[in-house]
Amino acid sequence: MKHLCMLNDGVEADMIATVLENNGIPVLKKRPETGDYLNIYMGMSVYGVDIYVPSEFYDFAKEILENIPKAEQNEIAEEEFVEFIEKENFKRRIKIWTIIAVFAGPGVILLALHHIFFR
């Protein structure tokens, strides 16, 4: 693996990684120092994110990064950020409904049985 670039923001790193992966380039994102722990604990890291690609894809990946105009990067950033937020909200809703089903489901069933048999 060869170091391609360092980005300050995890969201920006996700977007660049998506662009590279859409072009068939495998990507490894790594936070230096204690960045992974800080990201888990605080939701962010002051160390940024390093992007690595396989050596055979390095030149192609560098070319792709250089050919993305800044305005297009911002458009990609906005679209992918919205998509990312929608996915995270969907995951959160699934977790909440799962918790509700696990804890409230038996209670609802018992309430219905009580209503049916002890009316």
C-alpha atoms as a PDB file:
ATOM      1  CA  MET A   1       0.000   0.000   0.000  1.00  0.00           C
ATOM      2  CA  LYS A   2       1.182   3.453  -0.862  1.00  0.00           C
ATOM      3  CA  HIS A   3       0.211   6.701   0.877  1.00  0.00           C
ATOM      4  CA  LEU A   4      -1.940   8.798  -1.463  1.00  0.00           C
ATOM      5  CA  CYS A   5      -2.932  11.793   0.653  1.00  0.00           C
ATOM      6  CA  MET A   6      -3.914  13.063   4.079  1.00  0.00           C
ATOM      7  CA  LEU A   7      -7.260  14.717   4.672  1.00  0.00           C
ATOM      8  CA  ASN A   8      -8.368  16.740   7.671  1.00  0.00           C
ATOM      9  CA  ASP A   9     -11.923  15.455   7.777  1.00  0.00           C
ATOM     10  CA  GLY A  10     -13.327  11.913   7.967  1.00  0.00           C
ATOM     11  CA  VAL A  11     -16.324  12.858   5.821  1.00  0.00           C
ATOM     12  CA  GLU A  12     -14.016  14.252   3.136  1.00  0.00           C
ATOM     13  CA  ALA A  13     -11.954  11.061   3.337  1.00  0.00           C
ATOM     14  CA  ASP A  14     -15.123   8.976   2.897  1.00  0.00           C
ATOM     15  CA  MET A  15     -16.065  10.995  -0.168  1.00  0.00           C
ATOM     16  CA  ILE A  16     -12.618  10.718  -1.779  1.00  0.00           C
ATOM     17  CA  ALA A  17     -12.550   6.997  -0.973  1.00  0.00           C
ATOM     18  CA  THR A  18     -15.942   6.586  -2.658  1.00  0.00           C
ATOM     19  CA  VAL A  19     -14.734   8.376  -5.799  1.00  0.00           C
ATOM     20  CA  LEU A  20     -11.654   6.145  -5.940  1.00  0.00           C
ATOM     21  CA  GLU A  21     -13.633   2.957  -5.267  1.00  0.00           C
ATOM     22  CA  ASN A  22     -16.111   3.922  -7.999  1.00  0.00           C
ATOM     23  CA  ASN A  23     -13.112   3.931 -10.339  1.00  0.00           C
ATOM     24  CA  GLY A  24     -12.096   0.429  -9.246  1.00  0.00           C
ATOM     25  CA  ILE A  25      -9.334   1.451  -6.846  1.00  0.00           C
ATOM     26  CA  PRO A  26      -9.227  -0.281  -3.446  1.00  0.00           C
ATOM     27  CA  VAL A  27      -8.764   2.190  -0.585  1.00  0.00           C
ATOM     28  CA  LEU A  28      -7.487   1.932   2.981  1.00  0.00           C
ATOM     29  CA  LYS A  29      -8.350   4.800   5.350  1.00  0.00           C
ATOM     30  CA  LYS A  30      -6.231   5.042   8.479  1.00  0.00           C
ATOM     31  CA  ARG A  31      -6.144   7.616  11.231  1.00  0.00           C
ATOM     32  CA  PRO A  32      -2.607   8.256  12.516  1.00  0.00           C
ATOM     33  CA  GLU A  33      -1.594   8.282  16.179  1.00  0.00           C
ATOM     34  CA  THR A  34      -4.607   7.781  18.468  1.00  0.00           C
ATOM     35  CA  GLY A  35      -6.981   9.058  15.800  1.00  0.00           C
ATOM     36  CA  ASP A  36      -9.145   5.927  15.784  1.00  0.00           C
ATOM     37  CA  TYR A  37      -9.679   6.135  19.540  1.00  0.00           C
ATOM     38  CA  LEU A  38     -10.402   9.853  19.416  1.00  0.00           C
ATOM     39  CA  ASN A  39     -12.875   9.288  16.598  1.00  0.00           C
ATOM     40  CA  ILE A  40     -14.714   6.677  18.681  1.00  0.00           C
ATOM     41  CA  TYR A  41     -14.597   8.711  21.899  1.00  0.00           C
ATOM     42  CA  MET A  42     -15.237  12.226  20.574  1.00  0.00           C
ATOM     43  CA  GLY A  43     -16.669  11.561  17.122  1.00  0.00           C
ATOM     44  CA  MET A  44     -13.727  13.294  15.496  1.00  0.00           C
ATOM     45  CA  SER A  45      -9.963  13.208  15.329  1.00  0.00           C
ATOM     46  CA  VAL A  46      -7.492  16.070  15.263  1.00  0.00           C
ATOM     47  CA  TYR A  47      -4.966  13.896  13.411  1.00  0.00           C
ATOM     48  CA  GLY A  48      -6.875  13.649  10.127  1.00  0.00           C
ATOM     49  CA  VAL A  49      -7.186  10.610   7.889  1.00  0.00           C
ATOM     50  CA  ASP A  50      -4.507   9.046   5.685  1.00  0.00           C
ATOM     51  CA  ILE A  51      -5.625   7.434   2.420  1.00  0.00           C
ATOM     52  CA  TYR A  52      -3.640   4.484   1.080  1.00  0.00           C
ATOM     53  CA  VAL A  53      -4.018   2.698  -2.255  1.00  0.00           C
ATOM     54  CA  PRO A  54      -2.215  -0.346  -3.684  1.00  0.00           C
ATOM     55  CA  SER A  55       1.039   0.601  -5.403  1.00  0.00           C
ATOM     56  CA  GLU A  56      -0.188  -0.506  -8.829  1.00  0.00           C
ATOM     57  CA  PHE A  57      -3.140   1.938  -8.588  1.00  0.00           C
ATOM     58  CA  TYR A  58      -1.183   4.875  -7.155  1.00  0.00           C
ATOM     59  CA  ASP A  59      -0.610   6.802 -10.399  1.00  0.00           C
ATOM     60  CA  PHE A  60      -4.211   6.335 -11.526  1.00  0.00           C
ATOM     61  CA  ALA A  61      -5.530   7.427  -8.111  1.00  0.00           C
ATOM     62  CA  LYS A  62      -3.266  10.499  -8.088  1.00  0.00           C
ATOM     63  CA  GLU A  63      -4.507  11.423 -11.566  1.00  0.00           C
ATOM     64  CA  ILE A  64      -8.133  11.097 -10.464  1.00  0.00           C
ATOM     65  CA  LEU A  65      -7.543  13.340  -7.445  1.00  0.00           C
ATOM     66  CA  GLU A  66      -5.783  15.967  -9.528  1.00  0.00           C
ATOM     67  CA  ASN A  67      -8.567  15.993 -12.137  1.00  0.00           C
ATOM     68  CA  ILE A  68     -11.415  16.587  -9.703  1.00  0.00           C
ATOM     69  CA  PRO A  69     -12.052  20.336  -9.766  1.00  0.00           C
ATOM     70  CA  LYS A  70     -12.691  21.978  -6.404  1.00  0.00           C
ATOM     71  CA  ALA A  71     -16.284  22.904  -7.311  1.00  0.00           C
ATOM     72  CA  GLU A  72     -16.994  19.310  -8.334  1.00  0.00           C
ATOM     73  CA  GLN A  73     -15.461  18.112  -5.072  1.00  0.00           C
ATOM     74  CA  ASN A  74     -17.898  20.336  -3.191  1.00  0.00           C
ATOM     75  CA  GLU A  75     -20.846  19.006  -5.217  1.00  0.00           C
ATOM     76  CA  ILE A  76     -19.719  15.453  -4.542  1.00  0.00           C
ATOM     77  CA  ALA A  77     -19.264  16.382  -0.909  1.00  0.00           C
ATOM     78  CA  GLU A  78     -22.801  17.742  -0.587  1.00  0.00           C
ATOM     79  CA  GLU A  79     -24.455  14.824  -2.414  1.00  0.00           C
ATOM     80  CA  GLU A  80     -22.498  12.160  -0.558  1.00  0.00           C
ATOM     81  CA  PHE A  81     -22.911  13.942   2.759  1.00  0.00           C
ATOM     82  CA  VAL A  82     -26.696  13.968   2.319  1.00  0.00           C
ATOM     83  CA  GLU A  83     -26.606  10.305   1.277  1.00  0.00           C
ATOM     84  CA  PHE A  84     -24.404   9.471   4.285  1.00  0.00           C
ATOM     85  CA  ILE A  85     -26.758  11.264   6.694  1.00  0.00           C
ATOM     86  CA  GLU A  86     -29.789   9.492   5.206  1.00  0.00           C
ATOM     87  CA  LYS A  87     -28.106   6.100   5.627  1.00  0.00           C
ATOM     88  CA  GLU A  88     -27.128   6.884   9.225  1.00  0.00           C
ATOM     89  CA  ASN A  89     -30.667   8.049  10.034  1.00  0.00           C
ATOM     90  CA  PHE A  90     -32.069   4.852   8.523  1.00  0.00           C
ATOM     91  CA  LYS A  91     -29.680   2.727  10.616  1.00  0.00           C
ATOM     92  CA  ARG A  92     -30.649   4.688  13.735  1.00  0.00           C
ATOM     93  CA  ARG A  93     -34.385   4.167  13.029  1.00  0.00           C
ATOM     94  CA  ILE A  94     -33.845   0.423  12.560  1.00  0.00           C
ATOM     95  CA  LYS A  95     -32.011   0.217  15.905  1.00  0.00           C
ATOM     96  CA  ILE A  96     -34.738   2.165  17.702  1.00  0.00           C
ATOM     97  CA  TRP A  97     -37.552   0.031  16.258  1.00  0.00           C
ATOM     98  CA  THR A  98     -35.625  -3.136  17.103  1.00  0.00           C
ATOM     99  CA  ILE A  99     -35.278  -2.007  20.705  1.00  0.00           C
ATOM    100  CA  ILE A 100     -38.961  -1.080  20.832  1.00  0.00           C
ATOM    101  CA  ALA A 101     -39.948  -4.451  19.348  1.00  0.00           C
ATOM    102  CA  VAL A 102     -37.766  -6.382  21.793  1.00  0.00           C
ATOM    103  CA  PHE A 103     -38.947  -4.578  24.915  1.00  0.00           C
ATOM    104  CA  ALA A 104     -42.470  -3.492  24.018  1.00  0.00           C
ATOM    105  CA  GLY A 105     -43.458  -6.499  21.900  1.00  0.00           C
ATOM    106  CA  PRO A 106     -43.941  -8.957  24.784  1.00  0.00           C
ATOM    107  CA  GLY A 107     -45.831  -6.332  26.780  1.00  0.00           C
ATOM    108  CA  VAL A 108     -48.215  -5.664  23.909  1.00  0.00           C
ATOM    109  CA  ILE A 109     -48.828  -9.401  23.477  1.00  0.00           C
ATOM    110  CA  LEU A 110     -49.487  -9.859  27.225  1.00  0.00           C
ATOM    111  CA  LEU A 111     -51.810  -6.853  27.215  1.00  0.00           C
ATOM    112  CA  ALA A 112     -53.751  -8.282  24.269  1.00  0.00           C
ATOM    113  CA  LEU A 113     -53.973 -11.723  25.927  1.00  0.00           C
ATOM    114  CA  HIS A 114     -55.146 -10.148  29.169  1.00  0.00           C
ATOM    115  CA  HIS A 115     -57.791  -8.193  27.270  1.00  0.00           C
ATOM    116  CA  ILE A 116     -58.970 -11.330  25.429  1.00  0.00           C
ATOM    117  CA  PHE A 117     -59.113 -13.748  28.369  1.00  0.00           C
ATOM    118  CA  PHE A 118     -59.904 -11.509  31.324  1.00  0.00           C
ATOM    119  CA  ARG A 119     -62.479  -9.251  29.800  1.00  0.00           C
END
